[in-house]
N, C-alpha and C. Protein backbone atom coordinates (compact mmCIF):
# COMPACT_ATOMS: atom_id res chain seq x y z
N MET A 1 49.82 18.40 15.21
CA MET A 1 48.76 19.35 15.50
C MET A 1 47.39 18.69 15.28
N THR A 2 47.27 17.95 14.20
CA THR A 2 46.00 17.28 13.91
C THR A 2 45.66 16.28 15.00
N ALA A 3 46.66 15.55 15.48
CA ALA A 3 46.42 14.57 16.54
C ALA A 3 45.87 15.24 17.79
N GLY A 4 46.36 16.42 18.11
CA GLY A 4 45.89 17.15 19.29
C GLY A 4 44.46 17.65 19.13
N LEU A 5 44.05 17.86 17.92
CA LEU A 5 42.70 18.37 17.66
C LEU A 5 41.69 17.26 17.36
N SER A 6 42.14 16.03 17.34
CA SER A 6 41.26 14.93 16.94
C SER A 6 40.03 14.77 17.83
N ASP A 7 40.09 15.25 19.06
CA ASP A 7 38.91 15.17 19.93
C ASP A 7 37.82 16.13 19.48
N TRP A 8 38.20 17.21 18.81
CA TRP A 8 37.23 18.23 18.41
C TRP A 8 36.92 18.19 16.91
N ILE A 9 37.89 17.77 16.12
CA ILE A 9 37.72 17.75 14.68
C ILE A 9 37.78 16.31 14.19
N SER A 10 36.70 15.87 13.60
CA SER A 10 36.66 14.51 13.08
C SER A 10 35.95 14.53 11.73
N PHE A 11 36.68 14.19 10.71
CA PHE A 11 36.10 14.18 9.37
C PHE A 11 35.67 12.77 9.02
N LYS A 12 34.40 12.59 8.85
CA LYS A 12 33.85 11.29 8.47
C LYS A 12 34.11 11.04 6.99
N PRO A 13 34.24 9.77 6.59
CA PRO A 13 34.52 9.46 5.18
C PRO A 13 33.51 10.10 4.21
N GLY A 14 32.26 10.09 4.55
CA GLY A 14 31.24 10.67 3.66
C GLY A 14 31.45 12.15 3.41
N TYR A 15 31.88 12.88 4.44
CA TYR A 15 32.12 14.32 4.29
C TYR A 15 33.31 14.57 3.37
N VAL A 16 34.39 13.86 3.59
CA VAL A 16 35.59 14.03 2.76
C VAL A 16 35.28 13.67 1.31
N GLN A 17 34.55 12.58 1.12
CA GLN A 17 34.20 12.17 -0.24
C GLN A 17 33.34 13.22 -0.93
N LYS A 18 32.42 13.80 -0.19
CA LYS A 18 31.53 14.82 -0.75
C LYS A 18 32.30 16.08 -1.14
N VAL A 19 33.25 16.48 -0.31
CA VAL A 19 33.98 17.73 -0.52
C VAL A 19 35.14 17.56 -1.50
N ALA A 20 35.87 16.45 -1.41
CA ALA A 20 37.13 16.33 -2.14
C ALA A 20 37.06 15.54 -3.44
N CYS A 21 36.08 14.69 -3.61
CA CYS A 21 36.08 13.80 -4.78
C CYS A 21 35.42 14.46 -5.99
N GLN A 22 36.16 14.42 -7.10
CA GLN A 22 35.63 14.97 -8.34
C GLN A 22 35.05 13.89 -9.25
N ASP A 23 35.49 12.65 -9.04
CA ASP A 23 34.99 11.56 -9.87
C ASP A 23 35.09 10.25 -9.10
N GLU A 24 34.72 9.16 -9.76
CA GLU A 24 34.70 7.86 -9.09
C GLU A 24 36.10 7.36 -8.75
N VAL A 25 37.11 7.80 -9.47
CA VAL A 25 38.48 7.41 -9.15
C VAL A 25 38.89 8.02 -7.81
N ASP A 26 38.63 9.32 -7.64
CA ASP A 26 38.91 9.97 -6.35
C ASP A 26 38.18 9.26 -5.22
N PHE A 27 36.93 8.91 -5.47
CA PHE A 27 36.12 8.22 -4.46
C PHE A 27 36.78 6.91 -4.04
N GLU A 28 37.26 6.14 -5.01
CA GLU A 28 37.90 4.86 -4.68
C GLU A 28 39.21 5.06 -3.94
N ILE A 29 39.97 6.07 -4.31
CA ILE A 29 41.24 6.36 -3.63
C ILE A 29 40.97 6.71 -2.17
N ILE A 30 40.03 7.61 -1.93
CA ILE A 30 39.68 8.00 -0.56
C ILE A 30 39.18 6.80 0.24
N THR A 31 38.37 5.98 -0.38
CA THR A 31 37.85 4.79 0.29
C THR A 31 38.98 3.87 0.72
N ARG A 32 39.94 3.65 -0.17
CA ARG A 32 41.07 2.78 0.16
C ARG A 32 41.96 3.39 1.24
N LEU A 33 42.10 4.69 1.24
CA LEU A 33 42.87 5.35 2.30
C LEU A 33 42.20 5.15 3.66
N TYR A 34 40.88 5.30 3.71
CA TYR A 34 40.16 5.08 4.97
C TYR A 34 40.24 3.61 5.40
N GLN A 35 40.16 2.70 4.46
CA GLN A 35 40.24 1.28 4.79
C GLN A 35 41.61 0.92 5.35
N ALA A 36 42.64 1.60 4.90
CA ALA A 36 43.99 1.31 5.38
C ALA A 36 44.18 1.70 6.84
N GLY A 37 43.42 2.68 7.30
CA GLY A 37 43.51 3.09 8.69
C GLY A 37 44.77 3.87 9.00
N ASP A 38 45.14 3.87 10.28
CA ASP A 38 46.28 4.65 10.73
C ASP A 38 47.61 4.19 10.16
N GLY A 39 47.69 2.92 9.77
CA GLY A 39 48.92 2.38 9.21
C GLY A 39 49.25 2.93 7.84
N GLY A 40 48.24 3.43 7.15
CA GLY A 40 48.43 4.00 5.83
C GLY A 40 48.59 2.95 4.75
N ILE A 41 48.76 3.42 3.54
CA ILE A 41 48.92 2.55 2.38
C ILE A 41 49.75 3.31 1.35
N LEU A 42 50.58 2.60 0.65
CA LEU A 42 51.43 3.21 -0.37
C LEU A 42 50.62 3.48 -1.63
N PRO A 43 50.97 4.56 -2.33
CA PRO A 43 50.28 4.85 -3.60
C PRO A 43 50.36 3.69 -4.59
N SER A 44 51.47 2.95 -4.59
CA SER A 44 51.59 1.81 -5.50
C SER A 44 50.57 0.72 -5.16
N ASN A 45 50.28 0.54 -3.86
CA ASN A 45 49.27 -0.44 -3.47
C ASN A 45 47.87 0.01 -3.85
N ILE A 46 47.61 1.29 -3.76
CA ILE A 46 46.31 1.81 -4.19
C ILE A 46 46.16 1.62 -5.69
N ALA A 47 47.22 1.92 -6.44
CA ALA A 47 47.18 1.77 -7.90
C ALA A 47 46.87 0.32 -8.29
N GLU A 48 47.43 -0.63 -7.57
CA GLU A 48 47.14 -2.04 -7.84
C GLU A 48 45.67 -2.34 -7.56
N GLY A 49 45.12 -1.72 -6.52
CA GLY A 49 43.73 -1.97 -6.15
C GLY A 49 42.71 -1.35 -7.09
N VAL A 50 43.13 -0.33 -7.82
CA VAL A 50 42.23 0.33 -8.77
C VAL A 50 42.78 0.17 -10.20
N SER A 51 43.30 -0.99 -10.48
CA SER A 51 43.98 -1.24 -11.75
C SER A 51 43.09 -1.04 -12.97
N ARG A 52 41.79 -1.15 -12.80
CA ARG A 52 40.90 -0.98 -13.95
C ARG A 52 40.96 0.45 -14.52
N TYR A 53 41.47 1.40 -13.73
CA TYR A 53 41.61 2.78 -14.19
C TYR A 53 42.98 3.05 -14.83
N GLU A 54 43.85 2.05 -14.80
CA GLU A 54 45.18 2.13 -15.41
C GLU A 54 45.97 3.34 -14.89
N LEU A 55 46.00 3.51 -13.58
CA LEU A 55 46.75 4.59 -12.96
C LEU A 55 48.09 4.07 -12.46
N ARG A 56 49.08 4.92 -12.49
CA ARG A 56 50.38 4.59 -11.92
C ARG A 56 50.45 5.22 -10.54
N ARG A 57 51.46 4.82 -9.77
CA ARG A 57 51.55 5.31 -8.39
C ARG A 57 51.63 6.83 -8.31
N TRP A 58 52.31 7.47 -9.26
CA TRP A 58 52.40 8.93 -9.22
C TRP A 58 51.08 9.59 -9.59
N ASP A 59 50.22 8.89 -10.34
CA ASP A 59 48.87 9.42 -10.60
C ASP A 59 48.07 9.44 -9.29
N ILE A 60 48.25 8.40 -8.49
CA ILE A 60 47.56 8.34 -7.20
C ILE A 60 48.05 9.47 -6.30
N THR A 61 49.36 9.65 -6.23
CA THR A 61 49.94 10.72 -5.41
C THR A 61 49.43 12.08 -5.85
N ARG A 62 49.37 12.32 -7.14
CA ARG A 62 48.88 13.60 -7.64
C ARG A 62 47.43 13.84 -7.24
N ARG A 63 46.61 12.80 -7.32
CA ARG A 63 45.20 12.95 -6.95
C ARG A 63 45.02 13.18 -5.46
N ILE A 64 45.86 12.56 -4.65
CA ILE A 64 45.76 12.76 -3.20
C ILE A 64 46.13 14.19 -2.87
């Protein structure tokens, strides 16, 4: 359904970050999701990329 509406509905990264992010960790997770593009990224790979926050893959999933 989202794919069919993509011509009319387009959420820019800045909008999603403004609405959905509560802290800098959320901001980094959203940024990495956008960088991954359509191919996506596993929560374990995001956790490795934000290792300074000491999050596990299920912490990433919960935040998403």
